[in-house]
Full PDB file with SEQRES, HELIX, SHEET, SSBOND, CRYST1, ORIGX, SCALE, CONECT and MASTER records, all heavy atoms in Angstrom:
SEQRES   1 A   33  ASN TYR ALA ASP SER VAL LYS ASP ARG PHE THR ILE SER          
SEQRES   2 A   33  ARG ASP ASN ALA LYS ASN THR VAL TYR LEU GLN MET SER          
SEQRES   3 A   33  SER LEU LYS PRO GLU ASP THR                                  
HELIX    1 AA1 PRO A   30  ASP A   32  5                                   3    
SHEET    1 AA1 2 PHE A  10  ASP A  15  0                                        
SHEET    2 AA1 2 THR A  20  MET A  25 -1                                        
CRYST1    1.000    1.000    1.000  90.00  90.00  90.00 P 1           1          
ORIGX1      1.000000  0.000000  0.000000        0.00000                         
ORIGX2      0.000000  1.000000  0.000000        0.00000                         
ORIGX3      0.000000  0.000000  1.000000        0.00000                         
SCALE1      1.000000  0.000000  0.000000        0.00000                         
SCALE2      0.000000  1.000000  0.000000        0.00000                         
SCALE3      0.000000  0.000000  1.000000        0.00000                         
ATOM      1  N   ASN A   1     -35.857 -31.666 -27.715  1.00  0.00           N  
ATOM      2  CA  ASN A   1     -36.659 -31.309 -26.535  1.00  0.00           C  
ATOM      3  C   ASN A   1     -36.061 -31.996 -25.317  1.00  0.00           C  
ATOM      4  O   ASN A   1     -35.687 -33.131 -25.370  1.00  0.00           O  
ATOM      5  CB  ASN A   1     -38.148 -31.706 -26.641  1.00  0.00           C  
ATOM      6  CG  ASN A   1     -38.844 -30.898 -27.745  1.00  0.00           C  
ATOM      7  OD1 ASN A   1     -39.022 -29.627 -27.562  1.00  0.00           O  
ATOM      8  ND2 ASN A   1     -39.245 -31.445 -28.786  1.00  0.00           N  
ATOM      9  N   TYR A   2     -35.931 -31.184 -24.250  1.00  0.00           N  
ATOM     10  CA  TYR A   2     -35.426 -31.725 -23.022  1.00  0.00           C  
ATOM     11  C   TYR A   2     -36.450 -31.581 -21.900  1.00  0.00           C  
ATOM     12  O   TYR A   2     -37.263 -30.688 -21.902  1.00  0.00           O  
ATOM     13  CB  TYR A   2     -34.193 -30.907 -22.541  1.00  0.00           C  
ATOM     14  CG  TYR A   2     -32.945 -31.069 -23.415  1.00  0.00           C  
ATOM     15  CD1 TYR A   2     -32.692 -30.087 -24.479  1.00  0.00           C  
ATOM     16  CD2 TYR A   2     -32.099 -32.153 -23.372  1.00  0.00           C  
ATOM     17  CE1 TYR A   2     -31.568 -30.218 -25.299  1.00  0.00           C  
ATOM     18  CE2 TYR A   2     -31.022 -32.272 -24.210  1.00  0.00           C  
ATOM     19  CZ  TYR A   2     -30.730 -31.280 -25.164  1.00  0.00           C  
ATOM     20  OH  TYR A   2     -29.665 -31.464 -25.922  1.00  0.00           O  
ATOM     21  N   ALA A   3     -36.380 -32.543 -20.968  1.00  0.00           N  
ATOM     22  CA  ALA A   3     -37.188 -32.404 -19.746  1.00  0.00           C  
ATOM     23  C   ALA A   3     -36.725 -31.170 -19.023  1.00  0.00           C  
ATOM     24  O   ALA A   3     -35.526 -30.959 -18.995  1.00  0.00           O  
ATOM     25  CB  ALA A   3     -37.122 -33.666 -18.919  1.00  0.00           C  
ATOM     26  N   ASP A   4     -37.652 -30.477 -18.395  1.00  0.00           N  
ATOM     27  CA  ASP A   4     -37.295 -29.286 -17.618  1.00  0.00           C  
ATOM     28  C   ASP A   4     -36.185 -29.598 -16.581  1.00  0.00           C  
ATOM     29  O   ASP A   4     -35.339 -28.757 -16.312  1.00  0.00           O  
ATOM     30  CB  ASP A   4     -38.549 -28.699 -16.964  1.00  0.00           C  
ATOM     31  CG  ASP A   4     -39.480 -28.069 -17.947  1.00  0.00           C  
ATOM     32  OD1 ASP A   4     -39.025 -27.776 -19.112  1.00  0.00           O  
ATOM     33  OD2 ASP A   4     -40.649 -27.857 -17.603  1.00  0.00           O  
ATOM     34  N   SER A   5     -36.264 -30.772 -16.034  1.00  0.00           N  
ATOM     35  CA  SER A   5     -35.368 -31.157 -14.942  1.00  0.00           C  
ATOM     36  C   SER A   5     -33.909 -31.285 -15.414  1.00  0.00           C  
ATOM     37  O   SER A   5     -33.022 -31.335 -14.554  1.00  0.00           O  
ATOM     38  CB  SER A   5     -35.870 -32.433 -14.261  1.00  0.00           C  
ATOM     39  OG  SER A   5     -35.900 -33.460 -15.180  1.00  0.00           O  
ATOM     40  N   VAL A   6     -33.720 -31.440 -16.716  1.00  0.00           N  
ATOM     41  CA  VAL A   6     -32.270 -31.669 -17.135  1.00  0.00           C  
ATOM     42  C   VAL A   6     -31.852 -30.550 -18.114  1.00  0.00           C  
ATOM     43  O   VAL A   6     -30.704 -30.580 -18.512  1.00  0.00           O  
ATOM     44  CB  VAL A   6     -32.234 -33.074 -17.899  1.00  0.00           C  
ATOM     45  CG1 VAL A   6     -32.722 -34.163 -16.996  1.00  0.00           C  
ATOM     46  CG2 VAL A   6     -32.859 -33.001 -19.258  1.00  0.00           C  
ATOM     47  N   LYS A   7     -32.733 -29.636 -18.415  1.00  0.00           N  
ATOM     48  CA  LYS A   7     -32.256 -28.494 -19.274  1.00  0.00           C  
ATOM     49  C   LYS A   7     -31.016 -27.836 -18.787  1.00  0.00           C  
ATOM     50  O   LYS A   7     -30.920 -27.604 -17.521  1.00  0.00           O  
ATOM     51  CB  LYS A   7     -33.430 -27.445 -19.431  1.00  0.00           C  
ATOM     52  CG  LYS A   7     -34.502 -27.918 -20.446  1.00  0.00           C  
ATOM     53  CD  LYS A   7     -35.553 -26.913 -20.584  1.00  0.00           C  
ATOM     54  CE  LYS A   7     -36.607 -27.317 -21.561  1.00  0.00           C  
ATOM     55  NZ  LYS A   7     -37.725 -26.318 -21.615  1.00  0.00           N  
ATOM     56  N   ASP A   8     -30.125 -27.476 -19.714  1.00  0.00           N  
ATOM     57  CA  ASP A   8     -28.847 -26.825 -19.372  1.00  0.00           C  
ATOM     58  C   ASP A   8     -27.884 -27.727 -18.625  1.00  0.00           C  
ATOM     59  O   ASP A   8     -26.792 -27.298 -18.305  1.00  0.00           O  
ATOM     60  CB  ASP A   8     -29.113 -25.591 -18.547  1.00  0.00           C  
ATOM     61  CG  ASP A   8     -29.970 -24.564 -19.196  1.00  0.00           C  
ATOM     62  OD1 ASP A   8     -29.851 -24.376 -20.477  1.00  0.00           O  
ATOM     63  OD2 ASP A   8     -30.820 -23.940 -18.475  1.00  0.00           O  
ATOM     64  N   ARG A   9     -28.212 -28.958 -18.418  1.00  0.00           N  
ATOM     65  CA  ARG A   9     -27.298 -29.917 -17.808  1.00  0.00           C  
ATOM     66  C   ARG A   9     -26.983 -31.094 -18.754  1.00  0.00           C  
ATOM     67  O   ARG A   9     -25.877 -31.631 -18.702  1.00  0.00           O  
ATOM     68  CB  ARG A   9     -27.810 -30.446 -16.494  1.00  0.00           C  
ATOM     69  CG  ARG A   9     -28.047 -29.349 -15.486  1.00  0.00           C  
ATOM     70  CD  ARG A   9     -28.345 -29.951 -14.099  1.00  0.00           C  
ATOM     71  NE  ARG A   9     -29.579 -30.817 -14.064  1.00  0.00           N  
ATOM     72  CZ  ARG A   9     -29.594 -32.079 -13.770  1.00  0.00           C  
ATOM     73  NH1 ARG A   9     -28.533 -32.729 -13.423  1.00  0.00           N  
ATOM     74  NH2 ARG A   9     -30.749 -32.694 -13.746  1.00  0.00           N  
ATOM     75  N   PHE A  10     -27.950 -31.532 -19.513  1.00  0.00           N  
ATOM     76  CA  PHE A  10     -27.846 -32.659 -20.394  1.00  0.00           C  
ATOM     77  C   PHE A  10     -27.854 -32.300 -21.875  1.00  0.00           C  
ATOM     78  O   PHE A  10     -28.534 -31.292 -22.165  1.00  0.00           O  
ATOM     79  CB  PHE A  10     -29.059 -33.657 -20.210  1.00  0.00           C  
ATOM     80  CG  PHE A  10     -28.929 -34.383 -18.859  1.00  0.00           C  
ATOM     81  CD1 PHE A  10     -28.132 -34.037 -17.876  1.00  0.00           C  
ATOM     82  CD2 PHE A  10     -29.838 -35.500 -18.717  1.00  0.00           C  
ATOM     83  CE1 PHE A  10     -28.234 -34.771 -16.628  1.00  0.00           C  
ATOM     84  CE2 PHE A  10     -29.837 -36.179 -17.552  1.00  0.00           C  
ATOM     85  CZ  PHE A  10     -29.006 -35.824 -16.497  1.00  0.00           C  
ATOM     86  N   THR A  11     -27.135 -32.947 -22.702  1.00  0.00           N  
ATOM     87  CA  THR A  11     -27.065 -32.676 -24.055  1.00  0.00           C  
ATOM     88  C   THR A  11     -27.139 -33.972 -24.889  1.00  0.00           C  
ATOM     89  O   THR A  11     -26.334 -34.876 -24.693  1.00  0.00           O  
ATOM     90  CB  THR A  11     -25.766 -31.912 -24.466  1.00  0.00           C  
ATOM     91  OG1 THR A  11     -25.706 -30.681 -23.727  1.00  0.00           O  
ATOM     92  CG2 THR A  11     -25.843 -31.506 -25.981  1.00  0.00           C  
ATOM     93  N   ILE A  12     -28.115 -34.039 -25.793  1.00  0.00           N  
ATOM     94  CA  ILE A  12     -28.237 -35.180 -26.662  1.00  0.00           C  
ATOM     95  C   ILE A  12     -27.493 -34.801 -27.999  1.00  0.00           C  
ATOM     96  O   ILE A  12     -27.660 -33.645 -28.508  1.00  0.00           O  
ATOM     97  CB  ILE A  12     -29.716 -35.552 -26.910  1.00  0.00           C  
ATOM     98  CG1 ILE A  12     -29.786 -36.855 -27.668  1.00  0.00           C  
ATOM     99  CG2 ILE A  12     -30.482 -34.457 -27.561  1.00  0.00           C  
ATOM    100  CD1 ILE A  12     -31.259 -37.417 -27.728  1.00  0.00           C  
ATOM    101  N   SER A  13     -26.800 -35.764 -28.544  1.00  0.00           N  
ATOM    102  CA  SER A  13     -26.201 -35.576 -29.806  1.00  0.00           C  
ATOM    103  C   SER A  13     -26.043 -36.883 -30.540  1.00  0.00           C  
ATOM    104  O   SER A  13     -26.270 -37.936 -29.894  1.00  0.00           O  
ATOM    105  CB  SER A  13     -24.757 -34.949 -29.678  1.00  0.00           C  
ATOM    106  OG  SER A  13     -23.926 -35.816 -28.930  1.00  0.00           O  
ATOM    107  N   ARG A  14     -25.676 -36.848 -31.818  1.00  0.00           N  
ATOM    108  CA  ARG A  14     -25.516 -38.132 -32.469  1.00  0.00           C  
ATOM    109  C   ARG A  14     -24.415 -38.122 -33.538  1.00  0.00           C  
ATOM    110  O   ARG A  14     -24.146 -37.000 -34.083  1.00  0.00           O  
ATOM    111  CB  ARG A  14     -26.820 -38.573 -33.207  1.00  0.00           C  
ATOM    112  CG  ARG A  14     -27.385 -37.665 -34.150  1.00  0.00           C  
ATOM    113  CD  ARG A  14     -28.780 -38.141 -34.448  1.00  0.00           C  
ATOM    114  NE  ARG A  14     -29.334 -37.551 -35.737  1.00  0.00           N  
ATOM    115  CZ  ARG A  14     -30.595 -37.687 -36.134  1.00  0.00           C  
ATOM    116  NH1 ARG A  14     -31.442 -38.404 -35.479  1.00  0.00           N  
ATOM    117  NH2 ARG A  14     -30.880 -37.154 -37.327  1.00  0.00           N  
ATOM    118  N   ASP A  15     -23.764 -39.209 -33.722  1.00  0.00           N  
ATOM    119  CA  ASP A  15     -22.733 -39.367 -34.700  1.00  0.00           C  
ATOM    120  C   ASP A  15     -23.294 -40.300 -35.743  1.00  0.00           C  
ATOM    121  O   ASP A  15     -23.385 -41.524 -35.559  1.00  0.00           O  
ATOM    122  CB  ASP A  15     -21.476 -39.971 -34.092  1.00  0.00           C  
ATOM    123  CG  ASP A  15     -20.391 -40.078 -35.003  1.00  0.00           C  
ATOM    124  OD1 ASP A  15     -20.570 -40.232 -36.223  1.00  0.00           O  
ATOM    125  OD2 ASP A  15     -19.201 -39.985 -34.576  1.00  0.00           O  
ATOM    126  N   ASN A  16     -23.732 -39.719 -36.835  1.00  0.00           N  
ATOM    127  CA  ASN A  16     -24.366 -40.504 -37.877  1.00  0.00           C  
ATOM    128  C   ASN A  16     -23.472 -41.630 -38.523  1.00  0.00           C  
ATOM    129  O   ASN A  16     -23.906 -42.656 -38.836  1.00  0.00           O  
ATOM    130  CB  ASN A  16     -24.989 -39.584 -39.011  1.00  0.00           C  
ATOM    131  CG  ASN A  16     -25.998 -38.685 -38.451  1.00  0.00           C  
ATOM    132  OD1 ASN A  16     -26.789 -39.089 -37.539  1.00  0.00           O  
ATOM    133  ND2 ASN A  16     -26.008 -37.493 -38.980  1.00  0.00           N  
ATOM    134  N   ALA A  17     -22.194 -41.263 -38.577  1.00  0.00           N  
ATOM    135  CA  ALA A  17     -21.258 -42.176 -39.139  1.00  0.00           C  
ATOM    136  C   ALA A  17     -21.131 -43.496 -38.277  1.00  0.00           C  
ATOM    137  O   ALA A  17     -20.770 -44.531 -38.827  1.00  0.00           O  
ATOM    138  CB  ALA A  17     -19.852 -41.526 -39.346  1.00  0.00           C  
ATOM    139  N   LYS A  18     -21.339 -43.268 -37.014  1.00  0.00           N  
ATOM    140  CA  LYS A  18     -21.214 -44.429 -36.054  1.00  0.00           C  
ATOM    141  C   LYS A  18     -22.527 -44.969 -35.691  1.00  0.00           C  
ATOM    142  O   LYS A  18     -22.607 -45.855 -34.816  1.00  0.00           O  
ATOM    143  CB  LYS A  18     -20.447 -43.991 -34.848  1.00  0.00           C  
ATOM    144  CG  LYS A  18     -18.995 -43.582 -35.088  1.00  0.00           C  
ATOM    145  CD  LYS A  18     -18.309 -43.218 -33.838  1.00  0.00           C  
ATOM    146  CE  LYS A  18     -16.826 -42.821 -34.095  1.00  0.00           C  
ATOM    147  NZ  LYS A  18     -16.089 -42.492 -32.912  1.00  0.00           N  
ATOM    148  N   ASN A  19     -23.615 -44.409 -36.200  1.00  0.00           N  
ATOM    149  CA  ASN A  19     -24.995 -44.903 -35.827  1.00  0.00           C  
ATOM    150  C   ASN A  19     -25.225 -44.821 -34.375  1.00  0.00           C  
ATOM    151  O   ASN A  19     -25.770 -45.667 -33.765  1.00  0.00           O  
ATOM    152  CB  ASN A  19     -25.328 -46.293 -36.366  1.00  0.00           C  
ATOM    153  CG  ASN A  19     -25.279 -46.371 -37.795  1.00  0.00           C  
ATOM    154  OD1 ASN A  19     -25.606 -45.396 -38.513  1.00  0.00           O  
ATOM    155  ND2 ASN A  19     -24.915 -47.577 -38.350  1.00  0.00           N  
ATOM    156  N   THR A  20     -24.729 -43.787 -33.765  1.00  0.00           N  
ATOM    157  CA  THR A  20     -24.631 -43.689 -32.326  1.00  0.00           C  
ATOM    158  C   THR A  20     -25.235 -42.353 -31.792  1.00  0.00           C  
ATOM    159  O   THR A  20     -25.032 -41.357 -32.446  1.00  0.00           O  
ATOM    160  CB  THR A  20     -23.195 -43.804 -31.765  1.00  0.00           C  
ATOM    161  OG1 THR A  20     -22.740 -45.082 -32.131  1.00  0.00           O  
ATOM    162  CG2 THR A  20     -23.170 -43.704 -30.221  1.00  0.00           C  
ATOM    163  N   VAL A  21     -26.022 -42.467 -30.748  1.00  0.00           N  
ATOM    164  CA  VAL A  21     -26.604 -41.276 -30.065  1.00  0.00           C  
ATOM    165  C   VAL A  21     -25.952 -41.216 -28.683  1.00  0.00           C  
ATOM    166  O   VAL A  21     -25.830 -42.257 -27.954  1.00  0.00           O  
ATOM    167  CB  VAL A  21     -28.127 -41.506 -30.024  1.00  0.00           C  
ATOM    168  CG1 VAL A  21     -28.756 -40.233 -29.255  1.00  0.00           C  
ATOM    169  CG2 VAL A  21     -28.739 -41.630 -31.334  1.00  0.00           C  
ATOM    170  N   TYR A  22     -25.669 -39.988 -28.288  1.00  0.00           N  
ATOM    171  CA  TYR A  22     -25.056 -39.789 -26.970  1.00  0.00           C  
ATOM    172  C   TYR A  22     -25.896 -38.976 -26.081  1.00  0.00           C  
ATOM    173  O   TYR A  22     -26.816 -38.128 -26.542  1.00  0.00           O  
ATOM    174  CB  TYR A  22     -23.753 -38.984 -27.194  1.00  0.00           C  
ATOM    175  CG  TYR A  22     -22.759 -39.751 -28.070  1.00  0.00           C  
ATOM    176  CD1 TYR A  22     -22.623 -39.388 -29.425  1.00  0.00           C  
ATOM    177  CD2 TYR A  22     -21.909 -40.774 -27.558  1.00  0.00           C  
ATOM    178  CE1 TYR A  22     -21.734 -39.984 -30.208  1.00  0.00           C  
ATOM    179  CE2 TYR A  22     -21.064 -41.407 -28.358  1.00  0.00           C  
ATOM    180  CZ  TYR A  22     -20.924 -41.074 -29.747  1.00  0.00           C  
ATOM    181  OH  TYR A  22     -20.073 -41.680 -30.528  1.00  0.00           O  
ATOM    182  N   LEU A  23     -25.764 -39.094 -24.752  1.00  0.00           N  
ATOM    183  CA  LEU A  23     -26.311 -38.213 -23.829  1.00  0.00           C  
ATOM    184  C   LEU A  23     -25.203 -37.772 -22.889  1.00  0.00           C  
ATOM    185  O   LEU A  23     -24.770 -38.597 -22.088  1.00  0.00           O  
ATOM    186  CB  LEU A  23     -27.495 -38.886 -23.069  1.00  0.00           C  
ATOM    187  CG  LEU A  23     -28.226 -37.955 -22.083  1.00  0.00           C  
ATOM    188  CD1 LEU A  23     -29.047 -36.944 -22.837  1.00  0.00           C  
ATOM    189  CD2 LEU A  23     -29.165 -38.790 -21.147  1.00  0.00           C  
ATOM    190  N   GLN A  24     -24.793 -36.547 -23.050  1.00  0.00           N  
ATOM    191  CA  GLN A  24     -23.844 -35.964 -22.141  1.00  0.00           C  
ATOM    192  C   GLN A  24     -24.517 -35.395 -20.943  1.00  0.00           C  
ATOM    193  O   GLN A  24     -25.392 -34.535 -21.054  1.00  0.00           O  
ATOM    194  CB  GLN A  24     -23.021 -34.852 -22.860  1.00  0.00           C  
ATOM    195  CG  GLN A  24     -21.920 -34.217 -21.988  1.00  0.00           C  
ATOM    196  CD  GLN A  24     -20.839 -35.096 -21.577  1.00  0.00           C  
ATOM    197  OE1 GLN A  24     -20.307 -35.866 -22.369  1.00  0.00           O  
ATOM    198  NE2 GLN A  24     -20.557 -35.183 -20.272  1.00  0.00           N  
ATOM    199  N   MET A  25     -24.195 -35.898 -19.758  1.00  0.00           N  
ATOM    200  CA  MET A  25     -24.837 -35.447 -18.564  1.00  0.00           C  
ATOM    201  C   MET A  25     -23.812 -34.729 -17.615  1.00  0.00           C  
ATOM    202  O   MET A  25     -22.830 -35.364 -17.334  1.00  0.00           O  
ATOM    203  CB  MET A  25     -25.458 -36.722 -17.854  1.00  0.00           C  
ATOM    204  CG  MET A  25     -26.403 -37.500 -18.751  1.00  0.00           C  
ATOM    205  SD  MET A  25     -27.235 -38.791 -17.846  1.00  0.00           S  
ATOM    206  CE  MET A  25     -25.808 -39.894 -17.414  1.00  0.00           C  
ATOM    207  N   SER A  26     -24.112 -33.511 -17.274  1.00  0.00           N  
ATOM    208  CA  SER A  26     -23.251 -32.752 -16.449  1.00  0.00           C  
ATOM    209  C   SER A  26     -23.994 -32.306 -15.212  1.00  0.00           C  
ATOM    210  O   SER A  26     -25.273 -32.333 -15.096  1.00  0.00           O  
ATOM    211  CB  SER A  26     -22.693 -31.583 -17.188  1.00  0.00           C  
ATOM    212  OG  SER A  26     -22.061 -31.965 -18.359  1.00  0.00           O  
ATOM    213  N   SER A  27     -23.222 -31.830 -14.209  1.00  0.00           N  
ATOM    214  CA  SER A  27     -23.860 -31.325 -12.988  1.00  0.00           C  
ATOM    215  C   SER A  27     -24.880 -32.315 -12.452  1.00  0.00           C  
ATOM    216  O   SER A  27     -26.023 -31.965 -12.097  1.00  0.00           O  
ATOM    217  CB  SER A  27     -24.488 -29.961 -13.151  1.00  0.00           C  
ATOM    218  OG  SER A  27     -23.534 -29.014 -13.653  1.00  0.00           O  
ATOM    219  N   LEU A  28     -24.468 -33.545 -12.372  1.00  0.00           N  
ATOM    220  CA  LEU A  28     -25.466 -34.608 -12.003  1.00  0.00           C  
ATOM    221  C   LEU A  28     -25.890 -34.468 -10.527  1.00  0.00           C  
ATOM    222  O   LEU A  28     -25.078 -34.024  -9.673  1.00  0.00           O  
ATOM    223  CB  LEU A  28     -24.858 -35.974 -12.197  1.00  0.00           C  
ATOM    224  CG  LEU A  28     -24.850 -36.402 -13.725  1.00  0.00           C  
ATOM    225  CD1 LEU A  28     -23.827 -37.528 -13.939  1.00  0.00           C  
ATOM    226  CD2 LEU A  28     -26.270 -36.826 -14.112  1.00  0.00           C  
ATOM    227  N   LYS A  29     -27.138 -34.829 -10.282  1.00  0.00           N  
ATOM    228  CA  LYS A  29     -27.750 -34.694  -8.957  1.00  0.00           C  
ATOM    229  C   LYS A  29     -28.239 -36.079  -8.559  1.00  0.00           C  
ATOM    230  O   LYS A  29     -28.469 -36.977  -9.399  1.00  0.00           O  
ATOM    231  CB  LYS A  29     -28.939 -33.788  -9.001  1.00  0.00           C  
ATOM    232  CG  LYS A  29     -28.675 -32.437  -9.532  1.00  0.00           C  
ATOM    233  CD  LYS A  29     -29.951 -31.558  -9.725  1.00  0.00           C  
ATOM    234  CE  LYS A  29     -29.605 -30.217 -10.296  1.00  0.00           C  
ATOM    235  NZ  LYS A  29     -30.872 -29.415 -10.449  1.00  0.00           N  
ATOM    236  N   PRO A  30     -28.390 -36.300  -7.258  1.00  0.00           N  
ATOM    237  CA  PRO A  30     -28.876 -37.652  -6.770  1.00  0.00           C  
ATOM    238  C   PRO A  30     -30.194 -38.053  -7.464  1.00  0.00           C  
ATOM    239  O   PRO A  30     -30.473 -39.175  -7.680  1.00  0.00           O  
ATOM    240  CB  PRO A  30     -29.012 -37.454  -5.298  1.00  0.00           C  
ATOM    241  CG  PRO A  30     -27.888 -36.461  -4.975  1.00  0.00           C  
ATOM    242  CD  PRO A  30     -27.946 -35.471  -6.114  1.00  0.00           C  
ATOM    243  N   GLU A  31     -31.014 -37.022  -7.753  1.00  0.00           N  
ATOM    244  CA  GLU A  31     -32.350 -37.305  -8.348  1.00  0.00           C  
ATOM    245  C   GLU A  31     -32.217 -37.714  -9.796  1.00  0.00           C  
ATOM    246  O   GLU A  31     -33.242 -38.099 -10.398  1.00  0.00           O  
ATOM    247  CB  GLU A  31     -33.258 -36.095  -8.131  1.00  0.00           C  
ATOM    248  CG  GLU A  31     -32.721 -34.787  -8.663  1.00  0.00           C  
ATOM    249  CD  GLU A  31     -32.147 -33.952  -7.482  1.00  0.00           C  
ATOM    250  OE1 GLU A  31     -31.472 -34.538  -6.562  1.00  0.00           O  
ATOM    251  OE2 GLU A  31     -32.428 -32.716  -7.487  1.00  0.00           O  
ATOM    252  N   ASP A  32     -31.059 -37.650 -10.339  1.00  0.00           N  
ATOM    253  CA  ASP A  32     -30.807 -38.168 -11.730  1.00  0.00           C  
ATOM    254  C   ASP A  32     -30.656 -39.682 -11.670  1.00  0.00           C  
ATOM    255  O   ASP A  32     -30.542 -40.352 -12.717  1.00  0.00           O  
ATOM    256  CB  ASP A  32     -29.667 -37.519 -12.371  1.00  0.00           C  
ATOM    257  CG  ASP A  32     -29.905 -36.021 -12.630  1.00  0.00           C  
ATOM    258  OD1 ASP A  32     -30.970 -35.641 -12.997  1.00  0.00           O  
ATOM    259  OD2 ASP A  32     -28.931 -35.241 -12.404  1.00  0.00           O  
ATOM    260  N   THR A  33     -30.533 -40.250 -10.559  1.00  0.00           N  
ATOM    261  CA  THR A  33     -30.326 -41.712 -10.409  1.00  0.00           C  
ATOM    262  C   THR A  33     -31.486 -42.477 -11.017  1.00  0.00           C  
ATOM    263  O   THR A  33     -32.659 -42.233 -10.682  1.00  0.00           O  
ATOM    264  CB  THR A  33     -30.139 -42.141  -8.925  1.00  0.00           C  
ATOM    265  OG1 THR A  33     -28.961 -41.555  -8.439  1.00  0.00           O  
ATOM    266  CG2 THR A  33     -30.076 -43.647  -8.767  1.00  0.00           C  
TER     267      THR A  33                                                      
MASTER        0    0    0    1    2    0    0    6  266    1    0    3          
END                                                                             
């Protein structure tokens, strides 16, 4: 689930082998600060 304000711009993913979760953020806006 994504917040409406970040849909189609942010992507959450995870690498289980590395025990790591990522947040890829694109088309960033000042309000994302």
